[in-house]
C-alpha atoms as a PDB file:
ATOM      1  CA  UNK A   1       0.000   0.000   0.000  1.00  0.00           C
ATOM      2  CA  UNK A   2       1.217   3.522  -0.722  1.00  0.00           C
ATOM      3  CA  UNK A   3       0.038   6.980   0.263  1.00  0.00           C
ATOM      4  CA  UNK A   4      -0.192  10.084  -1.872  1.00  0.00           C
ATOM      5  CA  UNK A   5      -0.122  13.735  -0.909  1.00  0.00           C
ATOM      6  CA  UNK A   6      -2.793  15.689  -2.752  1.00  0.00           C
ATOM      7  CA  UNK A   7      -3.023  19.460  -3.141  1.00  0.00           C
ATOM      8  CA  UNK A   8      -6.162  21.426  -3.957  1.00  0.00           C
ATOM      9  CA  UNK A   9      -5.662  25.035  -4.957  1.00  0.00           C
ATOM     10  CA  UNK A  10      -8.061  27.922  -4.448  1.00  0.00           C
ATOM     11  CA  UNK A  11      -9.613  27.198  -7.874  1.00  0.00           C
ATOM     12  CA  UNK A  12     -10.489  23.629  -6.856  1.00  0.00           C
ATOM     13  CA  UNK A  13      -7.794  22.023  -9.020  1.00  0.00           C
ATOM     14  CA  UNK A  14      -6.429  18.845  -7.381  1.00  0.00           C
ATOM     15  CA  UNK A  15      -2.914  17.583  -8.036  1.00  0.00           C
ATOM     16  CA  UNK A  16      -1.013  14.581  -6.727  1.00  0.00           C
ATOM     17  CA  UNK A  17       2.222  15.992  -5.349  1.00  0.00           C
ATOM     18  CA  UNK A  18       4.063  12.867  -4.204  1.00  0.00           C
ATOM     19  CA  UNK A  19       3.602   9.217  -3.321  1.00  0.00           C
ATOM     20  CA  UNK A  20       5.184   7.443  -0.331  1.00  0.00           C
ATOM     21  CA  UNK A  21       5.383   3.876   0.938  1.00  0.00           C
ATOM     22  CA  UNK A  22       4.977   5.062   4.538  1.00  0.00           C
ATOM     23  CA  UNK A  23       1.967   7.061   5.720  1.00  0.00           C
ATOM     24  CA  UNK A  24       4.162   8.948   8.204  1.00  0.00           C
ATOM     25  CA  UNK A  25       6.311  10.305   5.381  1.00  0.00           C
ATOM     26  CA  UNK A  26       3.262  11.459   3.440  1.00  0.00           C
ATOM     27  CA  UNK A  27       1.748  13.047   6.562  1.00  0.00           C
ATOM     28  CA  UNK A  28       5.016  14.888   7.240  1.00  0.00           C
ATOM     29  CA  UNK A  29       5.083  16.357   3.729  1.00  0.00           C
ATOM     30  CA  UNK A  30       1.425  17.396   3.877  1.00  0.00           C
ATOM     31  CA  UNK A  31       1.934  19.001   7.302  1.00  0.00           C
ATOM     32  CA  UNK A  32       5.001  20.902   6.103  1.00  0.00           C
ATOM     33  CA  UNK A  33       3.096  22.379   3.173  1.00  0.00           C
ATOM     34  CA  UNK A  34      -0.013  23.068   5.265  1.00  0.00           C
ATOM     35  CA  UNK A  35       2.112  24.998   7.785  1.00  0.00           C
ATOM     36  CA  UNK A  36       2.920  27.552   5.079  1.00  0.00           C
ATOM     37  CA  UNK A  37      -0.644  28.908   5.491  1.00  0.00           C
ATOM     38  CA  UNK A  38      -1.384  29.369   1.792  1.00  0.00           C
ATOM     39  CA  UNK A  39      -4.884  29.119   0.341  1.00  0.00           C
ATOM     40  CA  UNK A  40      -4.155  25.585  -0.844  1.00  0.00           C
ATOM     41  CA  UNK A  41      -5.330  22.509   1.013  1.00  0.00           C
ATOM     42  CA  UNK A  42      -3.217  19.368   1.451  1.00  0.00           C
ATOM     43  CA  UNK A  43      -4.172  15.857   2.545  1.00  0.00           C
ATOM     44  CA  UNK A  44      -3.027  12.248   2.449  1.00  0.00           C
ATOM     45  CA  UNK A  45      -4.969   9.417   0.862  1.00  0.00           C
ATOM     46  CA  UNK A  46      -4.340   5.817  -0.011  1.00  0.00           C
ATOM     47  CA  UNK A  47      -2.898   5.553  -3.515  1.00  0.00           C
ATOM     48  CA  UNK A  48      -4.790   2.698  -5.128  1.00  0.00           C
ATOM     49  CA  UNK A  49      -7.582   2.269  -7.660  1.00  0.00           C
ATOM     50  CA  UNK A  50     -10.251   2.238  -4.940  1.00  0.00           C
ATOM     51  CA  UNK A  51      -9.224   5.660  -3.601  1.00  0.00           C
ATOM     52  CA  UNK A  52      -8.852   7.476  -6.905  1.00  0.00           C
ATOM     53  CA  UNK A  53     -11.774   9.836  -6.356  1.00  0.00           C
ATOM     54  CA  UNK A  54      -9.349  12.634  -5.523  1.00  0.00           C
ATOM     55  CA  UNK A  55     -11.155  13.642  -2.348  1.00  0.00           C
ATOM     56  CA  UNK A  56     -10.146  13.294   1.282  1.00  0.00           C
ATOM     57  CA  UNK A  57     -11.214  10.004   2.823  1.00  0.00           C
ATOM     58  CA  UNK A  58     -11.371   8.522   6.311  1.00  0.00           C
ATOM     59  CA  UNK A  59      -8.432   6.324   5.308  1.00  0.00           C
ATOM     60  CA  UNK A  60      -6.394   9.471   4.691  1.00  0.00           C
ATOM     61  CA  UNK A  61      -6.201  10.234   8.393  1.00  0.00           C
ATOM     62  CA  UNK A  62      -4.103  13.276   7.622  1.00  0.00           C
ATOM     63  CA  UNK A  63      -6.950  15.236   6.097  1.00  0.00           C
ATOM     64  CA  UNK A  64      -5.974  18.844   6.617  1.00  0.00           C
ATOM     65  CA  UNK A  65      -8.114  21.961   6.546  1.00  0.00           C
ATOM     66  CA  UNK A  66      -7.422  25.283   4.892  1.00  0.00           C
END
Protein backbone atom coordinates (compact mmCIF):
# COMPACT_ATOMS: atom_id res chain seq x y z
CA UNK A 1 0.00 0.00 0.00
CA UNK A 2 1.22 3.52 -0.72
CA UNK A 3 0.04 6.98 0.26
CA UNK A 4 -0.19 10.08 -1.87
CA UNK A 5 -0.12 13.74 -0.91
CA UNK A 6 -2.79 15.69 -2.75
CA UNK A 7 -3.02 19.46 -3.14
CA UNK A 8 -6.16 21.43 -3.96
CA UNK A 9 -5.66 25.04 -4.96
CA UNK A 10 -8.06 27.92 -4.45
CA UNK A 11 -9.61 27.20 -7.87
CA UNK A 12 -10.49 23.63 -6.86
CA UNK A 13 -7.79 22.02 -9.02
CA UNK A 14 -6.43 18.85 -7.38
CA UNK A 15 -2.91 17.58 -8.04
CA UNK A 16 -1.01 14.58 -6.73
CA UNK A 17 2.22 15.99 -5.35
CA UNK A 18 4.06 12.87 -4.20
CA UNK A 19 3.60 9.22 -3.32
CA UNK A 20 5.18 7.44 -0.33
CA UNK A 21 5.38 3.88 0.94
CA UNK A 22 4.98 5.06 4.54
CA UNK A 23 1.97 7.06 5.72
CA UNK A 24 4.16 8.95 8.20
CA UNK A 25 6.31 10.31 5.38
CA UNK A 26 3.26 11.46 3.44
CA UNK A 27 1.75 13.05 6.56
CA UNK A 28 5.02 14.89 7.24
CA UNK A 29 5.08 16.36 3.73
CA UNK A 30 1.42 17.40 3.88
CA UNK A 31 1.93 19.00 7.30
CA UNK A 32 5.00 20.90 6.10
CA UNK A 33 3.10 22.38 3.17
CA UNK A 34 -0.01 23.07 5.26
CA UNK A 35 2.11 25.00 7.79
CA UNK A 36 2.92 27.55 5.08
CA UNK A 37 -0.64 28.91 5.49
CA UNK A 38 -1.38 29.37 1.79
CA UNK A 39 -4.88 29.12 0.34
CA UNK A 40 -4.15 25.59 -0.84
CA UNK A 41 -5.33 22.51 1.01
CA UNK A 42 -3.22 19.37 1.45
CA UNK A 43 -4.17 15.86 2.54
CA UNK A 44 -3.03 12.25 2.45
CA UNK A 45 -4.97 9.42 0.86
CA UNK A 46 -4.34 5.82 -0.01
CA UNK A 47 -2.90 5.55 -3.51
CA UNK A 48 -4.79 2.70 -5.13
CA UNK A 49 -7.58 2.27 -7.66
CA UNK A 50 -10.25 2.24 -4.94
CA UNK A 51 -9.22 5.66 -3.60
CA UNK A 52 -8.85 7.48 -6.91
CA UNK A 53 -11.77 9.84 -6.36
CA UNK A 54 -9.35 12.63 -5.52
CA UNK A 55 -11.16 13.64 -2.35
CA UNK A 56 -10.15 13.29 1.28
CA UNK A 57 -11.21 10.00 2.82
CA UNK A 58 -11.37 8.52 6.31
CA UNK A 59 -8.43 6.32 5.31
CA UNK A 60 -6.39 9.47 4.69
CA UNK A 61 -6.20 10.23 8.39
CA UNK A 62 -4.10 13.28 7.62
CA UNK A 63 -6.95 15.24 6.10
CA UNK A 64 -5.97 18.84 6.62
CA UNK A 65 -8.11 21.96 6.55
CA UNK A 66 -7.42 25.28 4.89
